[in-house]
Amino acid sequence: MSALSQQELAQALETLKGWSLDNDTIVKTYQFENYLAGLAFATTAGTIAEAHNHHPDITIGYRKVTLRFTTHDAGNKITQKDIDVAKAIEAVGYPKT
């Protein structure tokens, strides 16, 4: 899979509320009312990622979870796979941040 162009990436990020570009990754930090809500979300995000066979780096903190995607098979560049899994996670519809 090939890396997205800057234009393709900009267009894709417009469709992903709260996601941003950080070097060669797309990233979003979600906020939660408590630690367990964040942990539950991380489990859900991980399950969705597993179903797509494309896994983010997940950082779980107190009342927040950060997801970070890049495609290792594409030389650590952002591909459509990253966008597709981020959209699938967003489709879950929570948390409301």
PDB file of N, CA and C in Angstrom:
ATOM      1  N   MET A   1       0.849  -1.172   0.000  1.00  0.00           N
ATOM      2  CA  MET A   1       0.000   0.000   0.000  1.00  0.00           C
ATOM      3  C   MET A   1       0.895   1.235   0.000  1.00  0.00           C
ATOM      4  N   SER A   2       0.533   2.209  -0.803  1.00  0.00           N
ATOM      5  CA  SER A   2       1.369   3.404  -0.922  1.00  0.00           C
ATOM      6  C   SER A   2       0.910   4.505   0.035  1.00  0.00           C
ATOM      7  N   ALA A   3       1.856   5.370   0.359  1.00  0.00           N
ATOM      8  CA  ALA A   3       1.584   6.488   1.251  1.00  0.00           C
ATOM      9  C   ALA A   3       0.632   7.476   0.578  1.00  0.00           C
ATOM     10  N   LEU A   4      -0.194   8.131   1.392  1.00  0.00           N
ATOM     11  CA  LEU A   4      -1.075   9.170   0.871  1.00  0.00           C
ATOM     12  C   LEU A   4      -0.262  10.417   0.537  1.00  0.00           C
ATOM     13  N   SER A   5      -0.677  11.109  -0.488  1.00  0.00           N
ATOM     14  CA  SER A   5      -0.059  12.391  -0.808  1.00  0.00           C
ATOM     15  C   SER A   5      -0.482  13.405   0.254  1.00  0.00           C
ATOM     16  N   GLN A   6       0.177  14.541   0.294  1.00  0.00           N
ATOM     17  CA  GLN A   6      -0.192  15.582   1.249  1.00  0.00           C
ATOM     18  C   GLN A   6      -1.637  16.037   1.030  1.00  0.00           C
ATOM     19  N   GLN A   7      -2.053  16.154  -0.204  1.00  0.00           N
ATOM     20  CA  GLN A   7      -3.417  16.565  -0.524  1.00  0.00           C
ATOM     21  C   GLN A   7      -4.421  15.501  -0.074  1.00  0.00           C
ATOM     22  N   GLU A   8      -4.136  14.239  -0.374  1.00  0.00           N
ATOM     23  CA  GLU A   8      -5.023  13.158   0.044  1.00  0.00           C
ATOM     24  C   GLU A   8      -5.132  13.107   1.564  1.00  0.00           C
ATOM     25  N   LEU A   9      -4.005  13.289   2.231  1.00  0.00           N
ATOM     26  CA  LEU A   9      -3.983  13.270   3.683  1.00  0.00           C
ATOM     27  C   LEU A   9      -4.796  14.426   4.264  1.00  0.00           C
ATOM     28  N   ALA A  10      -4.635  15.617   3.720  1.00  0.00           N
ATOM     29  CA  ALA A  10      -5.384  16.782   4.188  1.00  0.00           C
ATOM     30  C   ALA A  10      -6.885  16.555   4.022  1.00  0.00           C
ATOM     31  N   GLN A  11      -7.290  16.004   2.892  1.00  0.00           N
ATOM     32  CA  GLN A  11      -8.704  15.728   2.649  1.00  0.00           C
ATOM     33  C   GLN A  11      -9.229  14.678   3.625  1.00  0.00           C
ATOM     34  N   ALA A  12      -8.441  13.655   3.875  1.00  0.00           N
ATOM     35  CA  ALA A  12      -8.859  12.599   4.795  1.00  0.00           C
ATOM     36  C   ALA A  12      -9.008  13.131   6.219  1.00  0.00           C
ATOM     37  N   LEU A  13      -8.079  13.969   6.647  1.00  0.00           N
ATOM     38  CA  LEU A  13      -8.144  14.511   8.003  1.00  0.00           C
ATOM     39  C   LEU A  13      -9.351  15.430   8.204  1.00  0.00           C
ATOM     40  N   GLU A  14      -9.829  16.035   7.120  1.00  0.00           N
ATOM     41  CA  GLU A  14     -11.037  16.854   7.223  1.00  0.00           C
ATOM     42  C   GLU A  14     -12.251  16.024   7.615  1.00  0.00           C
ATOM     43  N   THR A  15     -12.210  14.733   7.340  1.00  0.00           N
ATOM     44  CA  THR A  15     -13.334  13.845   7.650  1.00  0.00           C
ATOM     45  C   THR A  15     -13.185  13.184   9.016  1.00  0.00           C
ATOM     46  N   LEU A  16     -12.082  13.439   9.708  1.00  0.00           N
ATOM     47  CA  LEU A  16     -11.805  12.808  11.007  1.00  0.00           C
ATOM     48  C   LEU A  16     -11.700  13.876  12.089  1.00  0.00           C
ATOM     49  N   LYS A  17     -12.813  14.148  12.748  1.00  0.00           N
ATOM     50  CA  LYS A  17     -12.855  15.199  13.770  1.00  0.00           C
ATOM     51  C   LYS A  17     -11.866  14.892  14.900  1.00  0.00           C
ATOM     52  N   GLY A  18     -11.004  15.879  15.167  1.00  0.00           N
ATOM     53  CA  GLY A  18     -10.079  15.759  16.284  1.00  0.00           C
ATOM     54  C   GLY A  18      -8.773  15.063  15.966  1.00  0.00           C
ATOM     55  N   TRP A  19      -8.657  14.480  14.790  1.00  0.00           N
ATOM     56  CA  TRP A  19      -7.422  13.814  14.398  1.00  0.00           C
ATOM     57  C   TRP A  19      -6.487  14.849  13.784  1.00  0.00           C
ATOM     58  N   SER A  20      -5.189  14.669  14.022  1.00  0.00           N
ATOM     59  CA  SER A  20      -4.211  15.600  13.463  1.00  0.00           C
ATOM     60  C   SER A  20      -2.987  14.837  12.989  1.00  0.00           C
ATOM     61  N   LEU A  21      -2.166  15.546  12.250  1.00  0.00           N
ATOM     62  CA  LEU A  21      -0.925  15.001  11.720  1.00  0.00           C
ATOM     63  C   LEU A  21       0.203  15.296  12.699  1.00  0.00           C
ATOM     64  N   ASP A  22       0.989  14.277  13.002  1.00  0.00           N
ATOM     65  CA  ASP A  22       2.167  14.428  13.857  1.00  0.00           C
ATOM     66  C   ASP A  22       3.306  13.651  13.202  1.00  0.00           C
ATOM     67  N   ASN A  23       4.125  14.375  12.458  1.00  0.00           N
ATOM     68  CA  ASN A  23       5.171  13.744  11.638  1.00  0.00           C
ATOM     69  C   ASN A  23       4.525  12.752  10.692  1.00  0.00           C
ATOM     70  N   ASP A  24       4.889  11.498  10.747  1.00  0.00           N
ATOM     71  CA  ASP A  24       4.326  10.498   9.845  1.00  0.00           C
ATOM     72  C   ASP A  24       3.286   9.628  10.530  1.00  0.00           C
ATOM     73  N   THR A  25       2.494  10.233  11.415  1.00  0.00           N
ATOM     74  CA  THR A  25       1.396   9.528  12.067  1.00  0.00           C
ATOM     75  C   THR A  25       0.163  10.431  12.087  1.00  0.00           C
ATOM     76  N   ILE A  26      -0.993   9.793  12.221  1.00  0.00           N
ATOM     77  CA  ILE A  26      -2.190  10.543  12.562  1.00  0.00           C
ATOM     78  C   ILE A  26      -2.492  10.194  14.013  1.00  0.00           C
ATOM     79  N   VAL A  27      -2.967  11.182  14.758  1.00  0.00           N
ATOM     80  CA  VAL A  27      -3.105  11.006  16.202  1.00  0.00           C
ATOM     81  C   VAL A  27      -4.352  11.710  16.715  1.00  0.00           C
ATOM     82  N   LYS A  28      -4.954  11.091  17.745  1.00  0.00           N
ATOM     83  CA  LYS A  28      -6.066  11.727  18.447  1.00  0.00           C
ATOM     84  C   LYS A  28      -6.016  11.297  19.904  1.00  0.00           C
ATOM     85  N   THR A  29      -6.261  12.263  20.791  1.00  0.00           N
ATOM     86  CA  THR A  29      -6.387  11.978  22.212  1.00  0.00           C
ATOM     87  C   THR A  29      -7.842  12.169  22.611  1.00  0.00           C
ATOM     88  N   TYR A  30      -8.405  11.138  23.198  1.00  0.00           N
ATOM     89  CA  TYR A  30      -9.779  11.142  23.678  1.00  0.00           C
ATOM     90  C   TYR A  30      -9.771  11.384  25.186  1.00  0.00           C
ATOM     91  N   GLN A  31     -10.743  12.139  25.669  1.00  0.00           N
ATOM     92  CA  GLN A  31     -10.889  12.429  27.091  1.00  0.00           C
ATOM     93  C   GLN A  31     -12.082  11.645  27.648  1.00  0.00           C
ATOM     94  N   PHE A  32     -11.957  11.205  28.906  1.00  0.00           N
ATOM     95  CA  PHE A  32     -12.986  10.395  29.549  1.00  0.00           C
ATOM     96  C   PHE A  32     -13.290  10.902  30.943  1.00  0.00           C
ATOM     97  N   GLU A  33     -14.443  10.505  31.455  1.00  0.00           N
ATOM     98  CA  GLU A  33     -14.825  10.899  32.806  1.00  0.00           C
ATOM     99  C   GLU A  33     -13.988  10.191  33.868  1.00  0.00           C
ATOM    100  N   ASN A  34     -13.523   8.988  33.549  1.00  0.00           N
ATOM    101  CA  ASN A  34     -12.716   8.251  34.521  1.00  0.00           C
ATOM    102  C   ASN A  34     -11.803   7.267  33.798  1.00  0.00           C
ATOM    103  N   TYR A  35     -10.907   6.675  34.550  1.00  0.00           N
ATOM    104  CA  TYR A  35      -9.908   5.762  34.006  1.00  0.00           C
ATOM    105  C   TYR A  35     -10.546   4.540  33.341  1.00  0.00           C
ATOM    106  N   LEU A  36     -11.546   3.942  33.996  1.00  0.00           N
ATOM    107  CA  LEU A  36     -12.148   2.732  33.454  1.00  0.00           C
ATOM    108  C   LEU A  36     -12.870   2.969  32.134  1.00  0.00           C
ATOM    109  N   ALA A  37     -13.464   4.139  31.957  1.00  0.00           N
ATOM    110  CA  ALA A  37     -14.100   4.461  30.678  1.00  0.00           C
ATOM    111  C   ALA A  37     -13.053   4.519  29.563  1.00  0.00           C
ATOM    112  N   GLY A  38     -11.899   5.093  29.866  1.00  0.00           N
ATOM    113  CA  GLY A  38     -10.807   5.134  28.891  1.00  0.00           C
ATOM    114  C   GLY A  38     -10.288   3.742  28.570  1.00  0.00           C
ATOM    115  N   LEU A  39     -10.182   2.927  29.600  1.00  0.00           N
ATOM    116  CA  LEU A  39      -9.705   1.554  29.410  1.00  0.00           C
ATOM    117  C   LEU A  39     -10.674   0.763  28.526  1.00  0.00           C
ATOM    118  N   ALA A  40     -11.967   0.936  28.761  1.00  0.00           N
ATOM    119  CA  ALA A  40     -12.979   0.262  27.941  1.00  0.00           C
ATOM    120  C   ALA A  40     -12.889   0.718  26.484  1.00  0.00           C
ATOM    121  N   PHE A  41     -12.699   2.026  26.287  1.00  0.00           N
ATOM    122  CA  PHE A  41     -12.561   2.543  24.930  1.00  0.00           C
ATOM    123  C   PHE A  41     -11.324   1.962  24.252  1.00  0.00           C
ATOM    124  N   ALA A  42     -10.204   1.895  24.971  1.00  0.00           N
ATOM    125  CA  ALA A  42      -8.974   1.342  24.400  1.00  0.00           C
ATOM    126  C   ALA A  42      -9.179  -0.103  23.973  1.00  0.00           C
ATOM    127  N   THR A  43      -9.921  -0.861  24.751  1.00  0.00           N
ATOM    128  CA  THR A  43     -10.227  -2.250  24.395  1.00  0.00           C
ATOM    129  C   THR A  43     -11.069  -2.302  23.127  1.00  0.00           C
ATOM    130  N   THR A  44     -12.069  -1.432  23.048  1.00  0.00           N
ATOM    131  CA  THR A  44     -12.908  -1.383  21.854  1.00  0.00           C
ATOM    132  C   THR A  44     -12.088  -0.981  20.627  1.00  0.00           C
ATOM    133  N   ALA A  45     -11.268   0.046  20.773  1.00  0.00           N
ATOM    134  CA  ALA A  45     -10.418   0.482  19.655  1.00  0.00           C
ATOM    135  C   ALA A  45      -9.475  -0.639  19.221  1.00  0.00           C
ATOM    136  N   GLY A  46      -8.913  -1.343  20.193  1.00  0.00           N
ATOM    137  CA  GLY A  46      -8.021  -2.457  19.876  1.00  0.00           C
ATOM    138  C   GLY A  46      -8.733  -3.589  19.154  1.00  0.00           C
ATOM    139  N   THR A  47      -9.965  -3.854  19.551  1.00  0.00           N
ATOM    140  CA  THR A  47     -10.754  -4.901  18.902  1.00  0.00           C
ATOM    141  C   THR A  47     -11.069  -4.526  17.458  1.00  0.00           C
ATOM    142  N   ILE A  48     -11.427  -3.275  17.232  1.00  0.00           N
ATOM    143  CA  ILE A  48     -11.689  -2.796  15.864  1.00  0.00           C
ATOM    144  C   ILE A  48     -10.412  -2.890  15.025  1.00  0.00           C
ATOM    145  N   ALA A  49      -9.306  -2.463  15.590  1.00  0.00           N
ATOM    146  CA  ALA A  49      -8.029  -2.521  14.873  1.00  0.00           C
ATOM    147  C   ALA A  49      -7.667  -3.962  14.516  1.00  0.00           C
ATOM    148  N   GLU A  50      -7.886  -4.866  15.443  1.00  0.00           N
ATOM    149  CA  GLU A  50      -7.583  -6.288  15.191  1.00  0.00           C
ATOM    150  C   GLU A  50      -8.431  -6.815  14.040  1.00  0.00           C
ATOM    151  N   ALA A  51      -9.693  -6.415  13.994  1.00  0.00           N
ATOM    152  CA  ALA A  51     -10.574  -6.857  12.907  1.00  0.00           C
ATOM    153  C   ALA A  51     -10.081  -6.374  11.552  1.00  0.00           C
ATOM    154  N   HIS A  52      -9.391  -5.217  11.545  1.00  0.00           N
ATOM    155  CA  HIS A  52      -8.831  -4.666  10.308  1.00  0.00           C
ATOM    156  C   HIS A  52      -7.385  -5.113  10.082  1.00  0.00           C
ATOM    157  N   ASN A  53      -6.835  -5.859  11.033  1.00  0.00           N
ATOM    158  CA  ASN A  53      -5.430  -6.285  10.983  1.00  0.00           C
ATOM    159  C   ASN A  53      -4.495  -5.087  10.760  1.00  0.00           C
ATOM    160  N   HIS A  54      -4.809  -4.003  11.495  1.00  0.00           N
ATOM    161  CA  HIS A  54      -3.993  -2.790  11.409  1.00  0.00           C
ATOM    162  C   HIS A  54      -4.073  -2.087  12.757  1.00  0.00           C
ATOM    163  N   HIS A  55      -2.969  -2.016  13.453  1.00  0.00           N
ATOM    164  CA  HIS A  55      -2.969  -1.687  14.870  1.00  0.00           C
ATOM    165  C   HIS A  55      -2.290  -0.353  15.185  1.00  0.00           C
ATOM    166  N   PRO A  56      -2.971   0.477  15.984  1.00  0.00           N
ATOM    167  CA  PRO A  56      -2.368   1.743  16.394  1.00  0.00           C
ATOM    168  C   PRO A  56      -1.474   1.539  17.607  1.00  0.00           C
ATOM    169  N   ASP A  57      -0.653   2.535  17.884  1.00  0.00           N
ATOM    170  CA  ASP A  57      -0.024   2.629  19.190  1.00  0.00           C
ATOM    171  C   ASP A  57      -1.082   3.259  20.083  1.00  0.00           C
ATOM    172  N   ILE A  58      -1.335   2.641  21.216  1.00  0.00           N
ATOM    173  CA  ILE A  58      -2.350   3.117  22.145  1.00  0.00           C
ATOM    174  C   ILE A  58      -1.664   3.475  23.454  1.00  0.00           C
ATOM    175  N   THR A  59      -1.878   4.709  23.909  1.00  0.00           N
ATOM    176  CA  THR A  59      -1.360   5.161  25.190  1.00  0.00           C
ATOM    177  C   THR A  59      -2.551   5.433  26.101  1.00  0.00           C
ATOM    178  N   ILE A  60      -2.591   4.732  27.219  1.00  0.00           N
ATOM    179  CA  ILE A  60      -3.679   4.887  28.175  1.00  0.00           C
ATOM    180  C   ILE A  60      -3.156   5.670  29.363  1.00  0.00           C
ATOM    181  N   GLY A  61      -3.801   6.776  29.639  1.00  0.00           N
ATOM    182  CA  GLY A  61      -3.464   7.586  30.796  1.00  0.00           C
ATOM    183  C   GLY A  61      -4.675   7.742  31.679  1.00  0.00           C
ATOM    184  N   TYR A  62      -4.544   8.544  32.699  1.00  0.00           N
ATOM    185  CA  TYR A  62      -5.662   8.805  33.591  1.00  0.00           C
ATOM    186  C   TYR A  62      -6.660   9.691  32.864  1.00  0.00           C
ATOM    187  N   ARG A  63      -7.829   9.128  32.559  1.00  0.00           N
ATOM    188  CA  ARG A  63      -8.930   9.831  31.903  1.00  0.00           C
ATOM    189  C   ARG A  63      -8.631  10.258  30.470  1.00  0.00           C
ATOM    190  N   LYS A  64      -7.636   9.632  29.824  1.00  0.00           N
ATOM    191  CA  LYS A  64      -7.394   9.925  28.414  1.00  0.00           C
ATOM    192  C   LYS A  64      -6.734   8.737  27.730  1.00  0.00           C
ATOM    193  N   VAL A  65      -7.013   8.618  26.440  1.00  0.00           N
ATOM    194  CA  VAL A  65      -6.430   7.568  25.596  1.00  0.00           C
ATOM    195  C   VAL A  65      -5.988   8.229  24.304  1.00  0.00           C
ATOM    196  N   THR A  66      -4.748   7.967  23.902  1.00  0.00           N
ATOM    197  CA  THR A  66      -4.230   8.495  22.655  1.00  0.00           C
ATOM    198  C   THR A  66      -4.022   7.349  21.677  1.00  0.00           C
ATOM    199  N   LEU A  67      -4.549   7.511  20.465  1.00  0.00           N
ATOM    200  CA  LEU A  67      -4.346   6.558  19.373  1.00  0.00           C
ATOM    201  C   LEU A  67      -3.440   7.205  18.346  1.00  0.00           C
ATOM    202  N   ARG A  68      -2.503   6.429  17.839  1.00  0.00           N
ATOM    203  CA  ARG A  68      -1.540   6.935  16.861  1.00  0.00           C
ATOM    204  C   ARG A  68      -1.370   5.864  15.777  1.00  0.00           C
ATOM    205  N   PHE A  69      -1.658   6.260  14.520  1.00  0.00           N
ATOM    206  CA  PHE A  69      -1.569   5.338  13.386  1.00  0.00           C
ATOM    207  C   PHE A  69      -0.473   5.746  12.414  1.00  0.00           C
ATOM    208  N   THR A  70       0.216   4.747  11.901  1.00  0.00           N
ATOM    209  CA  THR A  70       1.103   4.840  10.749  1.00  0.00           C
ATOM    210  C   THR A  70       1.158   3.438  10.146  1.00  0.00           C
ATOM    211  N   THR A  71       1.588   3.328   8.902  1.00  0.00           N
ATOM    212  CA  THR A  71       1.658   2.013   8.268  1.00  0.00           C
ATOM    213  C   THR A  71       3.120   1.595   8.153  1.00  0.00           C
ATOM    214  N   HIS A  72       3.491   0.634   8.969  1.00  0.00           N
ATOM    215  CA  HIS A  72       4.880   0.179   9.001  1.00  0.00           C
ATOM    216  C   HIS A  72       5.305  -0.441   7.670  1.00  0.00           C
ATOM    217  N   ASP A  73       4.368  -1.165   7.030  1.00  0.00           N
ATOM    218  CA  ASP A  73       4.679  -1.812   5.742  1.00  0.00           C
ATOM    219  C   ASP A  73       4.925  -0.807   4.623  1.00  0.00           C
ATOM    220  N   ALA A  74       4.554   0.444   4.846  1.00  0.00           N
ATOM    221  CA  ALA A  74       4.757   1.501   3.848  1.00  0.00           C
ATOM    222  C   ALA A  74       5.877   2.442   4.283  1.00  0.00           C
ATOM    223  N   GLY A  75       6.796   1.921   5.074  1.00  0.00           N
ATOM    224  CA  GLY A  75       7.933   2.735   5.503  1.00  0.00           C
ATOM    225  C   GLY A  75       7.554   3.766   6.558  1.00  0.00           C
ATOM    226  N   ASN A  76       6.596   3.395   7.428  1.00  0.00           N
ATOM    227  CA  ASN A  76       6.121   4.301   8.480  1.00  0.00           C
ATOM    228  C   ASN A  76       5.545   5.583   7.912  1.00  0.00           C
ATOM    229  N   LYS A  77       4.757   5.439   6.886  1.00  0.00           N
ATOM    230  CA  LYS A  77       4.032   6.545   6.264  1.00  0.00           C
ATOM    231  C   LYS A  77       2.540   6.339   6.489  1.00  0.00           C
ATOM    232  N   ILE A  78       1.762   7.369   6.262  1.00  0.00           N
ATOM    233  CA  ILE A  78       0.312   7.282   6.432  1.00  0.00           C
ATOM    234  C   ILE A  78      -0.312   6.793   5.131  1.00  0.00           C
ATOM    235  N   THR A  79      -1.143   5.761   5.260  1.00  0.00           N
ATOM    236  CA  THR A  79      -1.817   5.177   4.101  1.00  0.00           C
ATOM    237  C   THR A  79      -3.326   5.188   4.336  1.00  0.00           C
ATOM    238  N   GLN A  80      -4.047   4.733   3.339  1.00  0.00           N
ATOM    239  CA  GLN A  80      -5.503   4.644   3.450  1.00  0.00           C
ATOM    240  C   GLN A  80      -5.906   3.695   4.575  1.00  0.00           C
ATOM    241  N   LYS A  81      -5.076   2.690   4.870  1.00  0.00           N
ATOM    242  CA  LYS A  81      -5.373   1.772   5.979  1.00  0.00           C
ATOM    243  C   LYS A  81      -5.513   2.545   7.291  1.00  0.00           C
ATOM    244  N   ASP A  82      -4.630   3.494   7.522  1.00  0.00           N
ATOM    245  CA  ASP A  82      -4.686   4.289   8.749  1.00  0.00           C
ATOM    246  C   ASP A  82      -5.993   5.058   8.836  1.00  0.00           C
ATOM    247  N   ILE A  83      -6.369   5.672   7.742  1.00  0.00           N
ATOM    248  CA  ILE A  83      -7.595   6.458   7.682  1.00  0.00           C
ATOM    249  C   ILE A  83      -8.813   5.561   7.890  1.00  0.00           C
ATOM    250  N   ASP A  84      -8.817   4.413   7.239  1.00  0.00           N
ATOM    251  CA  ASP A  84      -9.963   3.503   7.322  1.00  0.00           C
ATOM    252  C   ASP A  84     -10.192   3.004   8.748  1.00  0.00           C
ATOM    253  N   VAL A  85      -9.131   2.645   9.447  1.00  0.00           N
ATOM    254  CA  VAL A  85      -9.305   2.142  10.814  1.00  0.00           C
ATOM    255  C   VAL A  85      -9.684   3.284  11.757  1.00  0.00           C
ATOM    256  N   ALA A  86      -9.101   4.452  11.566  1.00  0.00           N
ATOM    257  CA  ALA A  86      -9.495   5.603  12.380  1.00  0.00           C
ATOM    258  C   ALA A  86     -10.984   5.897  12.190  1.00  0.00           C
ATOM    259  N   LYS A  87     -11.473   5.836  10.967  1.00  0.00           N
ATOM    260  CA  LYS A  87     -12.894   6.060  10.702  1.00  0.00           C
ATOM    261  C   LYS A  87     -13.753   4.984  11.365  1.00  0.00           C
ATOM    262  N   ALA A  88     -13.301   3.752  11.323  1.00  0.00           N
ATOM    263  CA  ALA A  88     -14.055   2.667  11.963  1.00  0.00           C
ATOM    264  C   ALA A  88     -14.134   2.884  13.480  1.00  0.00           C
ATOM    265  N   ILE A  89     -13.070   3.346  14.078  1.00  0.00           N
ATOM    266  CA  ILE A  89     -13.078   3.626  15.511  1.00  0.00           C
ATOM    267  C   ILE A  89     -13.999   4.813  15.798  1.00  0.00           C
ATOM    268  N   GLU A  90     -13.948   5.837  14.980  1.00  0.00           N
ATOM    269  CA  GLU A  90     -14.821   6.991  15.156  1.00  0.00           C
ATOM    270  C   GLU A  90     -16.297   6.594  15.035  1.00  0.00           C
ATOM    271  N   ALA A  91     -16.596   5.597  14.216  1.00  0.00           N
ATOM    272  CA  ALA A  91     -17.974   5.168  14.004  1.00  0.00           C
ATOM    273  C   ALA A  91     -18.595   4.588  15.275  1.00  0.00           C
ATOM    274  N   VAL A  92     -17.785   4.199  16.233  1.00  0.00           N
ATOM    275  CA  VAL A  92     -18.300   3.691  17.500  1.00  0.00           C
ATOM    276  C   VAL A  92     -19.151   4.764  18.177  1.00  0.00           C
ATOM    277  N   GLY A  93     -18.779   6.022  18.014  1.00  0.00           N
ATOM    278  CA  GLY A  93     -19.595   7.112  18.483  1.00  0.00           C
ATOM    279  C   GLY A  93     -19.358   7.552  19.916  1.00  0.00           C
ATOM    280  N   TYR A  94     -18.281   7.088  20.523  1.00  0.00           N
ATOM    281  CA  TYR A  94     -17.974   7.590  21.849  1.00  0.00           C
ATOM    282  C   TYR A  94     -16.474   7.710  21.993  1.00  0.00           C
ATOM    283  N   PRO A  95     -15.988   8.427  22.908  1.00  0.00           N
ATOM    284  CA  PRO A  95     -16.718   9.312  23.821  1.00  0.00           C
ATOM    285  C   PRO A  95     -17.063  10.615  23.115  1.00  0.00           C
ATOM    286  N   LYS A  96     -17.948  11.335  23.681  1.00  0.00           N
ATOM    287  CA  LYS A  96     -18.299  12.643  23.130  1.00  0.00           C
ATOM    288  C   LYS A  96     -17.284  13.652  23.661  1.00  0.00           C
ATOM    289  N   THR A  97     -16.274  13.964  22.849  1.00  0.00           N
ATOM    290  CA  THR A  97     -15.237  14.904  23.287  1.00  0.00           C
ATOM    291  C   THR A  97     -15.292  16.161  22.462  1.00  0.00           C
TER     292      THR A  97
END
